[in-house]
């Protein structure tokens, strides 16, 4: 089991939590929550050791489009980079939808 941490600059506050996915064979879960700081911190818990450079590449690409200040926890059980990108996008969409619902 390996734990990785990545930090990214942020431009806007995230106001709601989101939880998507499940930890299971070839999948992962993403937990996204607001943070008091204006940066994003991603903590990855993965069952597959030695792929930090792949995680960094996937997350670098994601954060070229996402500017939210959030704590993101990823619990991985061997997901492919495509699944990682999909789950991150789902978490952001779920948080944005929840924030929109709270404003209505």
PDB file of N, CA and C in Angstrom:
ATOM      1  N   UNK A   1       0.848  -1.175   0.000  1.00  0.00           N
ATOM      2  CA  UNK A   1       0.000   0.000   0.000  1.00  0.00           C
ATOM      3  C   UNK A   1       0.889   1.232   0.000  1.00  0.00           C
ATOM      4  N   UNK A   2       0.599   2.165  -0.865  1.00  0.00           N
ATOM      5  CA  UNK A   2       1.385   3.390  -0.971  1.00  0.00           C
ATOM      6  C   UNK A   2       0.479   4.594  -0.752  1.00  0.00           C
ATOM      7  N   UNK A   3       1.023   5.637  -0.106  1.00  0.00           N
ATOM      8  CA  UNK A   3       0.293   6.891   0.057  1.00  0.00           C
ATOM      9  C   UNK A   3       1.087   8.000  -0.615  1.00  0.00           C
ATOM     10  N   UNK A   4       0.405   8.770  -1.463  1.00  0.00           N
ATOM     11  CA  UNK A   4       1.013   9.876  -2.194  1.00  0.00           C
ATOM     12  C   UNK A   4       0.242  11.148  -1.888  1.00  0.00           C
ATOM     13  N   UNK A   5       0.930  12.285  -1.861  1.00  0.00           N
ATOM     14  CA  UNK A   5       0.272  13.563  -1.629  1.00  0.00           C
ATOM     15  C   UNK A   5       0.735  14.559  -2.683  1.00  0.00           C
ATOM     16  N   UNK A   6      -0.225  15.296  -3.228  1.00  0.00           N
ATOM     17  CA  UNK A   6       0.042  16.302  -4.257  1.00  0.00           C
ATOM     18  C   UNK A   6      -0.688  17.587  -3.895  1.00  0.00           C
ATOM     19  N   UNK A   7      -0.065  18.735  -4.146  1.00  0.00           N
ATOM     20  CA  UNK A   7      -0.678  20.037  -3.898  1.00  0.00           C
ATOM     21  C   UNK A   7      -0.754  20.834  -5.194  1.00  0.00           C
ATOM     22  N   UNK A   8      -1.868  21.573  -5.346  1.00  0.00           N
ATOM     23  CA  UNK A   8      -2.099  22.387  -6.536  1.00  0.00           C
ATOM     24  C   UNK A   8      -2.683  23.736  -6.129  1.00  0.00           C
ATOM     25  N   UNK A   9      -2.365  24.805  -6.861  1.00  0.00           N
ATOM     26  CA  UNK A   9      -2.967  26.111  -6.564  1.00  0.00           C
ATOM     27  C   UNK A   9      -4.449  26.096  -6.910  1.00  0.00           C
ATOM     28  N   UNK A  10      -5.205  26.958  -6.232  1.00  0.00           N
ATOM     29  CA  UNK A  10      -6.650  27.038  -6.477  1.00  0.00           C
ATOM     30  C   UNK A  10      -7.063  28.505  -6.591  1.00  0.00           C
ATOM     31  N   UNK A  11      -8.176  28.723  -7.288  1.00  0.00           N
ATOM     32  CA  UNK A  11      -8.677  30.077  -7.501  1.00  0.00           C
ATOM     33  C   UNK A  11     -10.043  30.323  -6.862  1.00  0.00           C
ATOM     34  N   UNK A  12     -10.751  29.244  -6.505  1.00  0.00           N
ATOM     35  CA  UNK A  12     -12.097  29.427  -5.961  1.00  0.00           C
ATOM     36  C   UNK A  12     -12.345  28.426  -4.836  1.00  0.00           C
ATOM     37  N   UNK A  13     -13.175  28.851  -3.905  1.00  0.00           N
ATOM     38  CA  UNK A  13     -13.495  28.000  -2.761  1.00  0.00           C
ATOM     39  C   UNK A  13     -14.527  26.950  -3.155  1.00  0.00           C
ATOM     40  N   UNK A  14     -14.349  25.758  -2.658  1.00  0.00           N
ATOM     41  CA  UNK A  14     -15.338  24.694  -2.796  1.00  0.00           C
ATOM     42  C   UNK A  14     -16.187  24.736  -1.529  1.00  0.00           C
ATOM     43  N   UNK A  15     -17.508  24.645  -1.676  1.00  0.00           N
ATOM     44  CA  UNK A  15     -18.390  24.819  -0.516  1.00  0.00           C
ATOM     45  C   UNK A  15     -19.120  23.557  -0.073  1.00  0.00           C
ATOM     46  N   UNK A  16     -19.049  22.499  -0.868  1.00  0.00           N
ATOM     47  CA  UNK A  16     -19.781  21.279  -0.527  1.00  0.00           C
ATOM     48  C   UNK A  16     -18.887  20.053  -0.665  1.00  0.00           C
ATOM     49  N   UNK A  17     -19.349  18.972  -0.059  1.00  0.00           N
ATOM     50  CA  UNK A  17     -18.640  17.694  -0.137  1.00  0.00           C
ATOM     51  C   UNK A  17     -19.197  16.853  -1.282  1.00  0.00           C
ATOM     52  N   UNK A  18     -18.381  15.893  -1.706  1.00  0.00           N
ATOM     53  CA  UNK A  18     -18.842  14.915  -2.696  1.00  0.00           C
ATOM     54  C   UNK A  18     -18.136  13.593  -2.439  1.00  0.00           C
ATOM     55  N   UNK A  19     -18.841  12.502  -2.758  1.00  0.00           N
ATOM     56  CA  UNK A  19     -18.296  11.150  -2.638  1.00  0.00           C
ATOM     57  C   UNK A  19     -18.768  10.374  -3.851  1.00  0.00           C
ATOM     58  N   UNK A  20     -17.827   9.867  -4.645  1.00  0.00           N
ATOM     59  CA  UNK A  20     -18.175   9.070  -5.822  1.00  0.00           C
ATOM     60  C   UNK A  20     -17.296   7.836  -5.882  1.00  0.00           C
ATOM     61  N   UNK A  21     -17.810   6.799  -6.523  1.00  0.00           N
ATOM     62  CA  UNK A  21     -17.061   5.573  -6.730  1.00  0.00           C
ATOM     63  C   UNK A  21     -17.047   4.681  -5.504  1.00  0.00           C
ATOM     64  N   UNK A  22     -16.441   3.515  -5.675  1.00  0.00           N
ATOM     65  CA  UNK A  22     -16.281   2.537  -4.609  1.00  0.00           C
ATOM     66  C   UNK A  22     -14.879   1.949  -4.701  1.00  0.00           C
ATOM     67  N   UNK A  23     -14.375   1.524  -3.564  1.00  0.00           N
ATOM     68  CA  UNK A  23     -13.090   0.837  -3.576  1.00  0.00           C
ATOM     69  C   UNK A  23     -13.388  -0.620  -3.864  1.00  0.00           C
ATOM     70  N   UNK A  24     -12.900  -1.094  -4.963  1.00  0.00           N
ATOM     71  CA  UNK A  24     -13.114  -2.478  -5.357  1.00  0.00           C
ATOM     72  C   UNK A  24     -12.182  -2.813  -6.494  1.00  0.00           C
ATOM     73  N   UNK A  25     -12.218  -4.009  -6.944  1.00  0.00           N
ATOM     74  CA  UNK A  25     -11.321  -4.478  -7.980  1.00  0.00           C
ATOM     75  C   UNK A  25     -11.348  -3.564  -9.198  1.00  0.00           C
ATOM     76  N   UNK A  26     -10.230  -2.918  -9.457  1.00  0.00           N
ATOM     77  CA  UNK A  26     -10.090  -2.067 -10.644  1.00  0.00           C
ATOM     78  C   UNK A  26     -10.824  -0.753 -10.548  1.00  0.00           C
ATOM     79  N   UNK A  27     -11.196  -0.318  -9.366  1.00  0.00           N
ATOM     80  CA  UNK A  27     -11.939   0.928  -9.236  1.00  0.00           C
ATOM     81  C   UNK A  27     -11.365   1.744  -8.080  1.00  0.00           C
ATOM     82  N   UNK A  28     -11.986   2.879  -7.814  1.00  0.00           N
ATOM     83  CA  UNK A  28     -11.545   3.730  -6.732  1.00  0.00           C
ATOM     84  C   UNK A  28     -12.672   4.633  -6.285  1.00  0.00           C
ATOM     85  N   UNK A  29     -12.510   5.228  -5.098  1.00  0.00           N
ATOM     86  CA  UNK A  29     -13.460   6.216  -4.634  1.00  0.00           C
ATOM     87  C   UNK A  29     -12.745   7.543  -4.482  1.00  0.00           C
ATOM     88  N   UNK A  30     -13.504   8.623  -4.668  1.00  0.00           N
ATOM     89  CA  UNK A  30     -12.994   9.971  -4.505  1.00  0.00           C
ATOM     90  C   UNK A  30     -13.870  10.670  -3.474  1.00  0.00           C
ATOM     91  N   UNK A  31     -13.233  11.222  -2.459  1.00  0.00           N
ATOM     92  CA  UNK A  31     -13.913  12.030  -1.457  1.00  0.00           C
ATOM     93  C   UNK A  31     -13.377  13.451  -1.599  1.00  0.00           C
ATOM     94  N   UNK A  32     -14.269  14.392  -1.826  1.00  0.00           N
ATOM     95  CA  UNK A  32     -13.888  15.784  -2.042  1.00  0.00           C
ATOM     96  C   UNK A  32     -14.577  16.616  -0.962  1.00  0.00           C
ATOM     97  N   UNK A  33     -13.828  17.498  -0.316  1.00  0.00           N
ATOM     98  CA  UNK A  33     -14.429  18.348   0.702  1.00  0.00           C
ATOM     99  C   UNK A  33     -13.762  19.721   0.701  1.00  0.00           C
ATOM    100  N   UNK A  34     -14.481  20.726   1.198  1.00  0.00           N
ATOM    101  CA  UNK A  34     -13.917  22.081   1.262  1.00  0.00           C
ATOM    102  C   UNK A  34     -12.689  22.129   2.168  1.00  0.00           C
ATOM    103  N   UNK A  35     -11.851  23.105   1.915  1.00  0.00           N
ATOM    104  CA  UNK A  35     -10.680  23.346   2.753  1.00  0.00           C
ATOM    105  C   UNK A  35     -10.601  24.838   3.036  1.00  0.00           C
ATOM    106  N   UNK A  36      -9.964  25.203   4.124  1.00  0.00           N
ATOM    107  CA  UNK A  36      -9.830  26.608   4.472  1.00  0.00           C
ATOM    108  C   UNK A  36      -8.743  27.324   3.693  1.00  0.00           C
ATOM    109  N   UNK A  37      -7.842  26.591   3.088  1.00  0.00           N
ATOM    110  CA  UNK A  37      -6.728  27.181   2.343  1.00  0.00           C
ATOM    111  C   UNK A  37      -7.091  27.316   0.869  1.00  0.00           C
ATOM    112  N   UNK A  38      -6.416  28.206   0.185  1.00  0.00           N
ATOM    113  CA  UNK A  38      -6.664  28.378  -1.253  1.00  0.00           C
ATOM    114  C   UNK A  38      -5.685  27.526  -2.059  1.00  0.00           C
ATOM    115  N   UNK A  39      -5.770  26.242  -1.835  1.00  0.00           N
ATOM    116  CA  UNK A  39      -5.039  25.274  -2.641  1.00  0.00           C
ATOM    117  C   UNK A  39      -5.815  23.963  -2.597  1.00  0.00           C
ATOM    118  N   UNK A  40      -5.456  23.081  -3.473  1.00  0.00           N
ATOM    119  CA  UNK A  40      -6.038  21.739  -3.471  1.00  0.00           C
ATOM    120  C   UNK A  40      -4.954  20.772  -3.003  1.00  0.00           C
ATOM    121  N   UNK A  41      -5.328  19.883  -2.115  1.00  0.00           N
ATOM    122  CA  UNK A  41      -4.421  18.828  -1.664  1.00  0.00           C
ATOM    123  C   UNK A  41      -5.071  17.493  -1.969  1.00  0.00           C
ATOM    124  N   UNK A  42      -4.336  16.653  -2.675  1.00  0.00           N
ATOM    125  CA  UNK A  42      -4.822  15.331  -3.052  1.00  0.00           C
ATOM    126  C   UNK A  42      -3.982  14.295  -2.323  1.00  0.00           C
ATOM    127  N   UNK A  43      -4.656  13.413  -1.600  1.00  0.00           N
ATOM    128  CA  UNK A  43      -3.992  12.290  -0.943  1.00  0.00           C
ATOM    129  C   UNK A  43      -4.499  11.015  -1.604  1.00  0.00           C
ATOM    130  N   UNK A  44      -3.564  10.248  -2.115  1.00  0.00           N
ATOM    131  CA  UNK A  44      -3.892   8.999  -2.805  1.00  0.00           C
ATOM    132  C   UNK A  44      -3.436   7.832  -1.941  1.00  0.00           C
ATOM    133  N   UNK A  45      -4.357   6.928  -1.658  1.00  0.00           N
ATOM    134  CA  UNK A  45      -4.040   5.651  -1.001  1.00  0.00           C
ATOM    135  C   UNK A  45      -4.243   4.593  -2.091  1.00  0.00           C
ATOM    136  N   UNK A  46      -3.173   3.949  -2.492  1.00  0.00           N
ATOM    137  CA  UNK A  46      -3.279   2.993  -3.598  1.00  0.00           C
ATOM    138  C   UNK A  46      -2.694   1.636  -3.233  1.00  0.00           C
ATOM    139  N   UNK A  47      -3.316   0.618  -3.759  1.00  0.00           N
ATOM    140  CA  UNK A  47      -2.843  -0.748  -3.531  1.00  0.00           C
ATOM    141  C   UNK A  47      -1.710  -1.112  -4.482  1.00  0.00           C
ATOM    142  N   UNK A  48      -1.421  -0.243  -5.442  1.00  0.00           N
ATOM    143  CA  UNK A  48      -0.398  -0.520  -6.449  1.00  0.00           C
ATOM    144  C   UNK A  48       0.792   0.407  -6.220  1.00  0.00           C
ATOM    145  N   UNK A  49       1.906  -0.131  -5.786  1.00  0.00           N
ATOM    146  CA  UNK A  49       3.098   0.666  -5.493  1.00  0.00           C
ATOM    147  C   UNK A  49       3.884   0.997  -6.766  1.00  0.00           C
ATOM    148  N   UNK A  50       4.600   2.134  -6.712  1.00  0.00           N
ATOM    149  CA  UNK A  50       5.549   2.455  -7.770  1.00  0.00           C
ATOM    150  C   UNK A  50       5.001   3.237  -8.953  1.00  0.00           C
ATOM    151  N   UNK A  51       3.784   3.768  -8.852  1.00  0.00           N
ATOM    152  CA  UNK A  51       3.204   4.493  -9.972  1.00  0.00           C
ATOM    153  C   UNK A  51       2.971   5.969  -9.664  1.00  0.00           C
ATOM    154  N   UNK A  52       3.777   6.533  -8.775  1.00  0.00           N
ATOM    155  CA  UNK A  52       3.635   7.941  -8.411  1.00  0.00           C
ATOM    156  C   UNK A  52       3.720   8.870  -9.604  1.00  0.00           C
ATOM    157  N   UNK A  53       4.593   8.558 -10.570  1.00  0.00           N
ATOM    158  CA  UNK A  53       4.734   9.406 -11.752  1.00  0.00           C
ATOM    159  C   UNK A  53       3.468   9.392 -12.615  1.00  0.00           C
ATOM    160  N   UNK A  54       2.766   8.277 -12.652  1.00  0.00           N
ATOM    161  CA  UNK A  54       1.506   8.193 -13.399  1.00  0.00           C
ATOM    162  C   UNK A  54       0.426   9.005 -12.687  1.00  0.00           C
ATOM    163  N   UNK A  55       0.342   8.859 -11.365  1.00  0.00           N
ATOM    164  CA  UNK A  55      -0.624   9.656 -10.600  1.00  0.00           C
ATOM    165  C   UNK A  55      -0.371  11.137 -10.814  1.00  0.00           C
ATOM    166  N   UNK A  56       0.894  11.548 -10.754  1.00  0.00           N
ATOM    167  CA  UNK A  56       1.232  12.957 -10.933  1.00  0.00           C
ATOM    168  C   UNK A  56       0.792  13.442 -12.310  1.00  0.00           C
ATOM    169  N   UNK A  57       1.022  12.668 -13.326  1.00  0.00           N
ATOM    170  CA  UNK A  57       0.634  13.041 -14.686  1.00  0.00           C
ATOM    171  C   UNK A  57      -0.882  13.203 -14.810  1.00  0.00           C
ATOM    172  N   UNK A  58      -1.639  12.247 -14.282  1.00  0.00           N
ATOM    173  CA  UNK A  58      -3.105  12.311 -14.354  1.00  0.00           C
ATOM    174  C   UNK A  58      -3.621  13.522 -13.580  1.00  0.00           C
ATOM    175  N   UNK A  59      -3.092  13.733 -12.376  1.00  0.00           N
ATOM    176  CA  UNK A  59      -3.546  14.854 -11.552  1.00  0.00           C
ATOM    177  C   UNK A  59      -3.110  16.200 -12.136  1.00  0.00           C
ATOM    178  N   UNK A  60      -1.906  16.272 -12.679  1.00  0.00           N
ATOM    179  CA  UNK A  60      -1.463  17.509 -13.334  1.00  0.00           C
ATOM    180  C   UNK A  60      -2.425  17.888 -14.455  1.00  0.00           C
ATOM    181  N   UNK A  61      -2.814  16.925 -15.252  1.00  0.00           N
ATOM    182  CA  UNK A  61      -3.750  17.180 -16.350  1.00  0.00           C
ATOM    183  C   UNK A  61      -5.112  17.639 -15.814  1.00  0.00           C
ATOM    184  N   UNK A  62      -5.603  16.964 -14.783  1.00  0.00           N
ATOM    185  CA  UNK A  62      -6.890  17.333 -14.194  1.00  0.00           C
ATOM    186  C   UNK A  62      -6.858  18.765 -13.675  1.00  0.00           C
ATOM    187  N   UNK A  63      -5.793  19.148 -12.993  1.00  0.00           N
ATOM    188  CA  UNK A  63      -5.722  20.474 -12.389  1.00  0.00           C
ATOM    189  C   UNK A  63      -5.378  21.580 -13.386  1.00  0.00           C
ATOM    190  N   UNK A  64      -5.164  21.256 -14.632  1.00  0.00           N
ATOM    191  CA  UNK A  64      -5.091  22.316 -15.643  1.00  0.00           C
ATOM    192  C   UNK A  64      -6.488  22.846 -15.939  1.00  0.00           C
ATOM    193  N   UNK A  65      -7.532  22.060 -15.610  1.00  0.00           N
ATOM    194  CA  UNK A  65      -8.924  22.453 -15.856  1.00  0.00           C
ATOM    195  C   UNK A  65      -9.687  22.789 -14.579  1.00  0.00           C
ATOM    196  N   UNK A  66      -9.279  22.250 -13.457  1.00  0.00           N
ATOM    197  CA  UNK A  66     -10.015  22.414 -12.208  1.00  0.00           C
ATOM    198  C   UNK A  66      -9.264  23.358 -11.284  1.00  0.00           C
ATOM    199  N   UNK A  67      -9.974  24.356 -10.764  1.00  0.00           N
ATOM    200  CA  UNK A  67      -9.311  25.374  -9.936  1.00  0.00           C
ATOM    201  C   UNK A  67      -9.899  25.469  -8.526  1.00  0.00           C
ATOM    202  N   UNK A  68     -10.570  24.429  -8.055  1.00  0.00           N
ATOM    203  CA  UNK A  68     -11.211  24.456  -6.749  1.00  0.00           C
ATOM    204  C   UNK A  68     -10.257  24.168  -5.601  1.00  0.00           C
ATOM    205  N   UNK A  69     -10.476  24.892  -4.493  1.00  0.00           N
ATOM    206  CA  UNK A  69      -9.716  24.672  -3.261  1.00  0.00           C
ATOM    207  C   UNK A  69     -10.413  23.561  -2.480  1.00  0.00           C
ATOM    208  N   UNK A  70      -9.813  22.397  -2.448  1.00  0.00           N
ATOM    209  CA  UNK A  70     -10.465  21.246  -1.838  1.00  0.00           C
ATOM    210  C   UNK A  70      -9.436  20.270  -1.293  1.00  0.00           C
ATOM    211  N   UNK A  71      -9.877  19.492  -0.314  1.00  0.00           N
ATOM    212  CA  UNK A  71      -9.134  18.317   0.130  1.00  0.00           C
ATOM    213  C   UNK A  71      -9.743  17.152  -0.637  1.00  0.00           C
ATOM    214  N   UNK A  72      -8.917  16.425  -1.360  1.00  0.00           N
ATOM    215  CA  UNK A  72      -9.401  15.289  -2.143  1.00  0.00           C
ATOM    216  C   UNK A  72      -8.663  14.042  -1.671  1.00  0.00           C
ATOM    217  N   UNK A  73      -9.437  13.042  -1.292  1.00  0.00           N
ATOM    218  CA  UNK A  73      -8.869  11.762  -0.891  1.00  0.00           C
ATOM    219  C   UNK A  73      -9.281  10.728  -1.931  1.00  0.00           C
ATOM    220  N   UNK A  74      -8.293  10.014  -2.442  1.00  0.00           N
ATOM    221  CA  UNK A  74      -8.545   8.960  -3.424  1.00  0.00           C
ATOM    222  C   UNK A  74      -8.116   7.641  -2.806  1.00  0.00           C
ATOM    223  N   UNK A  75      -9.044   6.699  -2.765  1.00  0.00           N
ATOM    224  CA  UNK A  75      -8.765   5.345  -2.290  1.00  0.00           C
ATOM    225  C   UNK A  75      -8.851   4.425  -3.500  1.00  0.00           C
ATOM    226  N   UNK A  76      -7.692   3.927  -3.913  1.00  0.00           N
ATOM    227  CA  UNK A  76      -7.565   3.211  -5.174  1.00  0.00           C
ATOM    228  C   UNK A  76      -7.341   1.715  -4.968  1.00  0.00           C
ATOM    229  N   UNK A  77      -7.949   0.949  -5.865  1.00  0.00           N
ATOM    230  CA  UNK A  77      -7.713  -0.489  -5.884  1.00  0.00           C
ATOM    231  C   UNK A  77      -7.398  -0.924  -7.314  1.00  0.00           C
ATOM    232  N   UNK A  78      -6.402  -0.250  -7.918  1.00  0.00           N
ATOM    233  CA  UNK A  78      -5.923  -0.658  -9.231  1.00  0.00           C
ATOM    234  C   UNK A  78      -6.657  -0.044 -10.409  1.00  0.00           C
ATOM    235  N   UNK A  79      -7.240   1.143 -10.233  1.00  0.00           N
ATOM    236  CA  UNK A  79      -7.963   1.796 -11.328  1.00  0.00           C
ATOM    237  C   UNK A  79      -6.999   2.276 -12.413  1.00  0.00           C
ATOM    238  N   UNK A  80      -7.481   2.308 -13.630  1.00  0.00           N
ATOM    239  CA  UNK A  80      -6.692   2.823 -14.750  1.00  0.00           C
ATOM    240  C   UNK A  80      -6.720   4.355 -14.719  1.00  0.00           C
ATOM    241  N   UNK A  81      -5.789   5.023 -15.393  1.00  0.00           N
ATOM    242  CA  UNK A  81      -5.806   6.490 -15.438  1.00  0.00           C
ATOM    243  C   UNK A  81      -7.122   7.063 -15.963  1.00  0.00           C
ATOM    244  N   UNK A  82      -7.744   6.383 -16.911  1.00  0.00           N
ATOM    245  CA  UNK A  82      -9.028   6.851 -17.429  1.00  0.00           C
ATOM    246  C   UNK A  82     -10.117   6.841 -16.376  1.00  0.00           C
ATOM    247  N   UNK A  83     -10.140   5.819 -15.551  1.00  0.00           N
ATOM    248  CA  UNK A  83     -11.123   5.735 -14.470  1.00  0.00           C
ATOM    249  C   UNK A  83     -10.837   6.823 -13.433  1.00  0.00           C
ATOM    250  N   UNK A  84      -9.573   7.079 -13.148  1.00  0.00           N
ATOM    251  CA  UNK A  84      -9.208   8.136 -12.202  1.00  0.00           C
ATOM    252  C   UNK A  84      -9.751   9.477 -12.698  1.00  0.00           C
ATOM    253  N   UNK A  85      -9.503   9.799 -13.954  1.00  0.00           N
ATOM    254  CA  UNK A  85      -9.972  11.066 -14.527  1.00  0.00           C
ATOM    255  C   UNK A  85     -11.496  11.149 -14.484  1.00  0.00           C
ATOM    256  N   UNK A  86     -12.163  10.058 -14.798  1.00  0.00           N
ATOM    257  CA  UNK A  86     -13.625  10.022 -14.772  1.00  0.00           C
ATOM    258  C   UNK A  86     -14.155  10.263 -13.365  1.00  0.00           C
ATOM    259  N   UNK A  87     -13.614   9.583 -12.371  1.00  0.00           N
ATOM    260  CA  UNK A  87     -14.089   9.735 -10.992  1.00  0.00           C
ATOM    261  C   UNK A  87     -13.818  11.148 -10.466  1.00  0.00           C
ATOM    262  N   UNK A  88     -12.678  11.729 -10.804  1.00  0.00           N
ATOM    263  CA  UNK A  88     -12.408  13.104 -10.383  1.00  0.00           C
ATOM    264  C   UNK A  88     -13.427  14.066 -10.990  1.00  0.00           C
ATOM    265  N   UNK A  89     -13.721  13.899 -12.271  1.00  0.00           N
ATOM    266  CA  UNK A  89     -14.723  14.752 -12.927  1.00  0.00           C
ATOM    267  C   UNK A  89     -16.097  14.561 -12.291  1.00  0.00           C
ATOM    268  N   UNK A  90     -16.443  13.319 -11.960  1.00  0.00           N
ATOM    269  CA  UNK A  90     -17.724  13.043 -11.300  1.00  0.00           C
ATOM    270  C   UNK A  90     -17.801  13.714  -9.933  1.00  0.00           C
ATOM    271  N   UNK A  91     -16.718  13.694  -9.184  1.00  0.00           N
ATOM    272  CA  UNK A  91     -16.705  14.311  -7.853  1.00  0.00           C
ATOM    273  C   UNK A  91     -16.899  15.817  -7.960  1.00  0.00           C
ATOM    274  N   UNK A  92     -16.229  16.440  -8.900  1.00  0.00           N
ATOM    275  CA  UNK A  92     -16.384  17.883  -9.100  1.00  0.00           C
ATOM    276  C   UNK A  92     -17.812  18.203  -9.506  1.00  0.00           C
ATOM    277  N   UNK A  93     -18.365  17.437 -10.421  1.00  0.00           N
ATOM    278  CA  UNK A  93     -19.753  17.662 -10.861  1.00  0.00           C
ATOM    279  C   UNK A  93     -20.728  17.473  -9.699  1.00  0.00           C
ATOM    280  N   UNK A  94     -20.514  16.452  -8.888  1.00  0.00           N
ATOM    281  CA  UNK A  94     -21.403  16.207  -7.743  1.00  0.00           C
ATOM    282  C   UNK A  94     -21.329  17.344  -6.736  1.00  0.00           C
ATOM    283  N   UNK A  95     -20.121  17.849  -6.471  1.00  0.00           N
ATOM    284  CA  UNK A  95     -19.962  18.972  -5.543  1.00  0.00           C
ATOM    285  C   UNK A  95     -20.613  20.232  -6.110  1.00  0.00           C
ATOM    286  N   UNK A  96     -20.421  20.489  -7.403  1.00  0.00           N
ATOM    287  CA  UNK A  96     -21.032  21.661  -8.041  1.00  0.00           C
ATOM    288  C   UNK A  96     -22.552  21.553  -8.025  1.00  0.00           C
ATOM    289  N   UNK A  97     -23.084  20.369  -8.305  1.00  0.00           N
ATOM    290  CA  UNK A  97     -24.543  20.175  -8.271  1.00  0.00           C
ATOM    291  C   UNK A  97     -25.097  20.383  -6.867  1.00  0.00           C
ATOM    292  N   UNK A  98     -24.395  19.873  -5.852  1.00  0.00           N
ATOM    293  CA  UNK A  98     -24.832  20.045  -4.470  1.00  0.00           C
ATOM    294  C   UNK A  98     -24.801  21.523  -4.079  1.00  0.00           C
ATOM    295  N   UNK A  99     -23.781  22.235  -4.521  1.00  0.00           N
ATOM    296  CA  UNK A  99     -23.684  23.669  -4.213  1.00  0.00           C
ATOM    297  C   UNK A  99     -24.819  24.439  -4.897  1.00  0.00           C
ATOM    298  N   UNK A 100     -25.145  24.071  -6.126  1.00  0.00           N
ATOM    299  CA  UNK A 100     -26.250  24.720  -6.844  1.00  0.00           C
ATOM    300  C   UNK A 100     -27.579  24.454  -6.131  1.00  0.00           C
ATOM    301  N   UNK A 101     -27.768  23.237  -5.662  1.00  0.00           N
ATOM    302  CA  UNK A 101     -28.985  22.868  -4.948  1.00  0.00           C
ATOM    303  C   UNK A 101     -29.118  23.625  -3.628  1.00  0.00           C
ATOM    304  N   UNK A 102     -27.991  23.859  -2.976  1.00  0.00           N
ATOM    305  CA  UNK A 102     -28.015  24.592  -1.708  1.00  0.00           C
ATOM    306  C   UNK A 102     -28.378  26.060  -1.915  1.00  0.00           C
ATOM    307  N   UNK A 103     -28.057  26.586  -3.086  1.00  0.00           N
ATOM    308  CA  UNK A 103     -28.352  27.998  -3.390  1.00  0.00           C
ATOM    309  C   UNK A 103     -29.797  28.203  -3.824  1.00  0.00           C
ATOM    310  N   UNK A 104     -30.457  27.128  -4.262  1.00  0.00           N
ATOM    311  CA  UNK A 104     -31.842  27.248  -4.771  1.00  0.00           C
ATOM    312  C   UNK A 104     -32.837  27.409  -3.656  1.00  0.00           C
TER     313      UNK A 104
END
